[in-house]
Amino acid sequence: MDLTMFQLYDLVERYMLYINWDMDVRCRLAGGKPENQPDNWMKNIH
């Protein structure tokens, strides 16, 4: 409840980057070949 809109947006954006990266890794471990490489979820988002 103490987050500003800017902080909340950053958290959501970081979470979405992590989800995309995680799904790519899971797909590769299951033997799939994703079409493109996801963005690094630890990149600088500012």
PDB file of N, CA and C in Angstrom:
ATOM      1  N   MET A   1       0.814  -1.201   0.000  1.00  0.00           N
ATOM      2  CA  MET A   1       0.000   0.000   0.000  1.00  0.00           C
ATOM      3  C   MET A   1       0.857   1.264   0.000  1.00  0.00           C
ATOM      4  N   ASP A   2       2.136   1.122   0.300  1.00  0.00           N
ATOM      5  CA  ASP A   2       3.005   2.289   0.349  1.00  0.00           C
ATOM      6  C   ASP A   2       3.738   2.547  -0.962  1.00  0.00           C
ATOM      7  N   LEU A   3       3.385   1.813  -2.017  1.00  0.00           N
ATOM      8  CA  LEU A   3       4.064   1.981  -3.303  1.00  0.00           C
ATOM      9  C   LEU A   3       3.453   3.125  -4.094  1.00  0.00           C
ATOM     10  N   THR A   4       4.318   3.819  -4.820  1.00  0.00           N
ATOM     11  CA  THR A   4       3.825   4.828  -5.752  1.00  0.00           C
ATOM     12  C   THR A   4       3.449   4.126  -7.054  1.00  0.00           C
ATOM     13  N   MET A   5       2.781   4.822  -7.932  1.00  0.00           N
ATOM     14  CA  MET A   5       2.411   4.236  -9.219  1.00  0.00           C
ATOM     15  C   MET A   5       3.652   3.866 -10.022  1.00  0.00           C
ATOM     16  N   PHE A   6       4.692   4.674  -9.919  1.00  0.00           N
ATOM     17  CA  PHE A   6       5.942   4.403 -10.625  1.00  0.00           C
ATOM     18  C   PHE A   6       6.562   3.096 -10.128  1.00  0.00           C
ATOM     19  N   GLN A   7       6.614   2.892  -8.820  1.00  0.00           N
ATOM     20  CA  GLN A   7       7.174   1.670  -8.248  1.00  0.00           C
ATOM     21  C   GLN A   7       6.330   0.454  -8.619  1.00  0.00           C
ATOM     22  N   LEU A   8       5.035   0.611  -8.594  1.00  0.00           N
ATOM     23  CA  LEU A   8       4.142  -0.488  -8.956  1.00  0.00           C
ATOM     24  C   LEU A   8       4.332  -0.867 -10.426  1.00  0.00           C
ATOM     25  N   TYR A   9       4.433   0.108 -11.296  1.00  0.00           N
ATOM     26  CA  TYR A   9       4.679  -0.153 -12.711  1.00  0.00           C
ATOM     27  C   TYR A   9       5.999  -0.896 -12.902  1.00  0.00           C
ATOM     28  N   ASP A  10       7.050  -0.475 -12.189  1.00  0.00           N
ATOM     29  CA  ASP A  10       8.348  -1.148 -12.277  1.00  0.00           C
ATOM     30  C   ASP A  10       8.248  -2.603 -11.827  1.00  0.00           C
ATOM     31  N   LEU A  11       7.535  -2.855 -10.747  1.00  0.00           N
ATOM     32  CA  LEU A  11       7.375  -4.226 -10.262  1.00  0.00           C
ATOM     33  C   LEU A  11       6.637  -5.094 -11.274  1.00  0.00           C
ATOM     34  N   VAL A  12       5.595  -4.561 -11.871  1.00  0.00           N
ATOM     35  CA  VAL A  12       4.832  -5.325 -12.859  1.00  0.00           C
ATOM     36  C   VAL A  12       5.683  -5.584 -14.099  1.00  0.00           C
ATOM     37  N   GLU A  13       6.423  -4.584 -14.546  1.00  0.00           N
ATOM     38  CA  GLU A  13       7.273  -4.758 -15.728  1.00  0.00           C
ATOM     39  C   GLU A  13       8.362  -5.792 -15.458  1.00  0.00           C
ATOM     40  N   ARG A  14       8.991  -5.732 -14.295  1.00  0.00           N
ATOM     41  CA  ARG A  14      10.034  -6.696 -13.932  1.00  0.00           C
ATOM     42  C   ARG A  14       9.445  -8.102 -13.856  1.00  0.00           C
ATOM     43  N   TYR A  15       8.256  -8.234 -13.287  1.00  0.00           N
ATOM     44  CA  TYR A  15       7.612  -9.536 -13.166  1.00  0.00           C
ATOM     45  C   TYR A  15       7.293 -10.114 -14.544  1.00  0.00           C
ATOM     46  N   MET A  16       6.827  -9.276 -15.462  1.00  0.00           N
ATOM     47  CA  MET A  16       6.521  -9.757 -16.809  1.00  0.00           C
ATOM     48  C   MET A  16       7.787 -10.199 -17.538  1.00  0.00           C
ATOM     49  N   LEU A  17       8.891  -9.469 -17.359  1.00  0.00           N
ATOM     50  CA  LEU A  17      10.159  -9.891 -17.954  1.00  0.00           C
ATOM     51  C   LEU A  17      10.586 -11.240 -17.393  1.00  0.00           C
ATOM     52  N   TYR A  18      10.415 -11.427 -16.082  1.00  0.00           N
ATOM     53  CA  TYR A  18      10.789 -12.696 -15.460  1.00  0.00           C
ATOM     54  C   TYR A  18       9.919 -13.840 -15.973  1.00  0.00           C
ATOM     55  N   ILE A  19       8.629 -13.623 -16.088  1.00  0.00           N
ATOM     56  CA  ILE A  19       7.714 -14.665 -16.572  1.00  0.00           C
ATOM     57  C   ILE A  19       8.085 -15.073 -17.993  1.00  0.00           C
ATOM     58  N   ASN A  20       8.357 -14.108 -18.866  1.00  0.00           N
ATOM     59  CA  ASN A  20       8.752 -14.424 -20.242  1.00  0.00           C
ATOM     60  C   ASN A  20      10.040 -15.224 -20.282  1.00  0.00           C
ATOM     61  N   TRP A  21      11.019 -14.829 -19.466  1.00  0.00           N
ATOM     62  CA  TRP A  21      12.291 -15.541 -19.407  1.00  0.00           C
ATOM     63  C   TRP A  21      12.092 -16.955 -18.863  1.00  0.00           C
ATOM     64  N   ASP A  22      11.312 -17.106 -17.816  1.00  0.00           N
ATOM     65  CA  ASP A  22      11.068 -18.401 -17.194  1.00  0.00           C
ATOM     66  C   ASP A  22      10.358 -19.351 -18.159  1.00  0.00           C
ATOM     67  N   MET A  23       9.370 -18.857 -18.886  1.00  0.00           N
ATOM     68  CA  MET A  23       8.667 -19.699 -19.850  1.00  0.00           C
ATOM     69  C   MET A  23       9.595 -20.147 -20.976  1.00  0.00           C
ATOM     70  N   ASP A  24      10.514 -19.283 -21.389  1.00  0.00           N
ATOM     71  CA  ASP A  24      11.481 -19.644 -22.420  1.00  0.00           C
ATOM     72  C   ASP A  24      12.393 -20.769 -21.916  1.00  0.00           C
ATOM     73  N   VAL A  25      12.893 -20.657 -20.700  1.00  0.00           N
ATOM     74  CA  VAL A  25      13.768 -21.682 -20.127  1.00  0.00           C
ATOM     75  C   VAL A  25      13.011 -23.002 -19.986  1.00  0.00           C
ATOM     76  N   ARG A  26      11.794 -22.949 -19.501  1.00  0.00           N
ATOM     77  CA  ARG A  26      11.005 -24.179 -19.349  1.00  0.00           C
ATOM     78  C   ARG A  26      10.747 -24.843 -20.694  1.00  0.00           C
ATOM     79  N   CYS A  27      10.468 -24.044 -21.707  1.00  0.00           N
ATOM     80  CA  CYS A  27      10.232 -24.574 -23.046  1.00  0.00           C
ATOM     81  C   CYS A  27      11.496 -25.263 -23.569  1.00  0.00           C
ATOM     82  N   ARG A  28      12.650 -24.630 -23.387  1.00  0.00           N
ATOM     83  CA  ARG A  28      13.906 -25.219 -23.847  1.00  0.00           C
ATOM     84  C   ARG A  28      14.231 -26.502 -23.087  1.00  0.00           C
ATOM     85  N   LEU A  29      13.984 -26.536 -21.790  1.00  0.00           N
ATOM     86  CA  LEU A  29      14.246 -27.734 -21.007  1.00  0.00           C
ATOM     87  C   LEU A  29      13.320 -28.882 -21.398  1.00  0.00           C
ATOM     88  N   ALA A  30      12.148 -28.575 -21.904  1.00  0.00           N
ATOM     89  CA  ALA A  30      11.201 -29.596 -22.330  1.00  0.00           C
ATOM     90  C   ALA A  30      11.476 -30.049 -23.768  1.00  0.00           C
ATOM     91  N   GLY A  31      12.492 -29.468 -24.406  1.00  0.00           N
ATOM     92  CA  GLY A  31      12.858 -29.887 -25.750  1.00  0.00           C
ATOM     93  C   GLY A  31      12.328 -29.003 -26.854  1.00  0.00           C
ATOM     94  N   GLY A  32      11.700 -27.898 -26.507  1.00  0.00           N
ATOM     95  CA  GLY A  32      11.166 -26.989 -27.514  1.00  0.00           C
ATOM     96  C   GLY A  32      12.237 -26.081 -28.084  1.00  0.00           C
ATOM     97  N   LYS A  33      11.906 -25.444 -29.171  1.00  0.00           N
ATOM     98  CA  LYS A  33      12.812 -24.494 -29.803  1.00  0.00           C
ATOM     99  C   LYS A  33      12.059 -23.175 -30.005  1.00  0.00           C
ATOM    100  N   PRO A  34      12.117 -22.279 -29.015  1.00  0.00           N
ATOM    101  CA  PRO A  34      11.430 -20.987 -29.139  1.00  0.00           C
ATOM    102  C   PRO A  34      11.950 -20.197 -30.338  1.00  0.00           C
ATOM    103  N   GLU A  35      11.080 -19.408 -30.925  1.00  0.00           N
ATOM    104  CA  GLU A  35      11.429 -18.633 -32.123  1.00  0.00           C
ATOM    105  C   GLU A  35      12.369 -17.478 -31.828  1.00  0.00           C
ATOM    106  N   ASN A  36      12.216 -16.854 -30.674  1.00  0.00           N
ATOM    107  CA  ASN A  36      13.065 -15.694 -30.371  1.00  0.00           C
ATOM    108  C   ASN A  36      13.558 -15.767 -28.923  1.00  0.00           C
ATOM    109  N   GLN A  37      14.571 -14.978 -28.636  1.00  0.00           N
ATOM    110  CA  GLN A  37      15.183 -14.925 -27.314  1.00  0.00           C
ATOM    111  C   GLN A  37      14.464 -13.857 -26.480  1.00  0.00           C
ATOM    112  N   PRO A  38      14.047 -14.187 -25.254  1.00  0.00           N
ATOM    113  CA  PRO A  38      13.399 -13.172 -24.415  1.00  0.00           C
ATOM    114  C   PRO A  38      14.429 -12.172 -23.880  1.00  0.00           C
ATOM    115  N   ASP A  39      13.948 -11.001 -23.500  1.00  0.00           N
ATOM    116  CA  ASP A  39      14.819 -10.006 -22.872  1.00  0.00           C
ATOM    117  C   ASP A  39      15.309 -10.525 -21.539  1.00  0.00           C
ATOM    118  N   ASN A  40      16.516 -10.093 -21.163  1.00  0.00           N
ATOM    119  CA  ASN A  40      17.048 -10.458 -19.849  1.00  0.00           C
ATOM    120  C   ASN A  40      16.183  -9.802 -18.779  1.00  0.00           C
ATOM    121  N   TRP A  41      15.704 -10.584 -17.829  1.00  0.00           N
ATOM    122  CA  TRP A  41      14.792 -10.032 -16.835  1.00  0.00           C
ATOM    123  C   TRP A  41      15.497  -9.160 -15.806  1.00  0.00           C
ATOM    124  N   MET A  42      16.831  -9.171 -15.802  1.00  0.00           N
ATOM    125  CA  MET A  42      17.581  -8.318 -14.876  1.00  0.00           C
ATOM    126  C   MET A  42      18.118  -7.064 -15.557  1.00  0.00           C
ATOM    127  N   LYS A  43      17.655  -6.783 -16.788  1.00  0.00           N
ATOM    128  CA  LYS A  43      18.143  -5.597 -17.489  1.00  0.00           C
ATOM    129  C   LYS A  43      17.682  -4.320 -16.782  1.00  0.00           C
ATOM    130  N   ASN A  44      18.346  -3.238 -17.108  1.00  0.00           N
ATOM    131  CA  ASN A  44      17.985  -1.937 -16.562  1.00  0.00           C
ATOM    132  C   ASN A  44      16.684  -1.482 -17.233  1.00  0.00           C
ATOM    133  N   ILE A  45      15.635  -1.295 -16.475  1.00  0.00           N
ATOM    134  CA  ILE A  45      14.334  -0.946 -17.065  1.00  0.00           C
ATOM    135  C   ILE A  45      14.081   0.561 -17.083  1.00  0.00           C
ATOM    136  N   HIS A  46      15.037   1.343 -16.722  1.00  0.00           N
ATOM    137  CA  HIS A  46      14.843   2.796 -16.733  1.00  0.00           C
ATOM    138  C   HIS A  46      15.599   3.421 -17.850  1.00  0.00           C
TER     139      HIS A  46
END
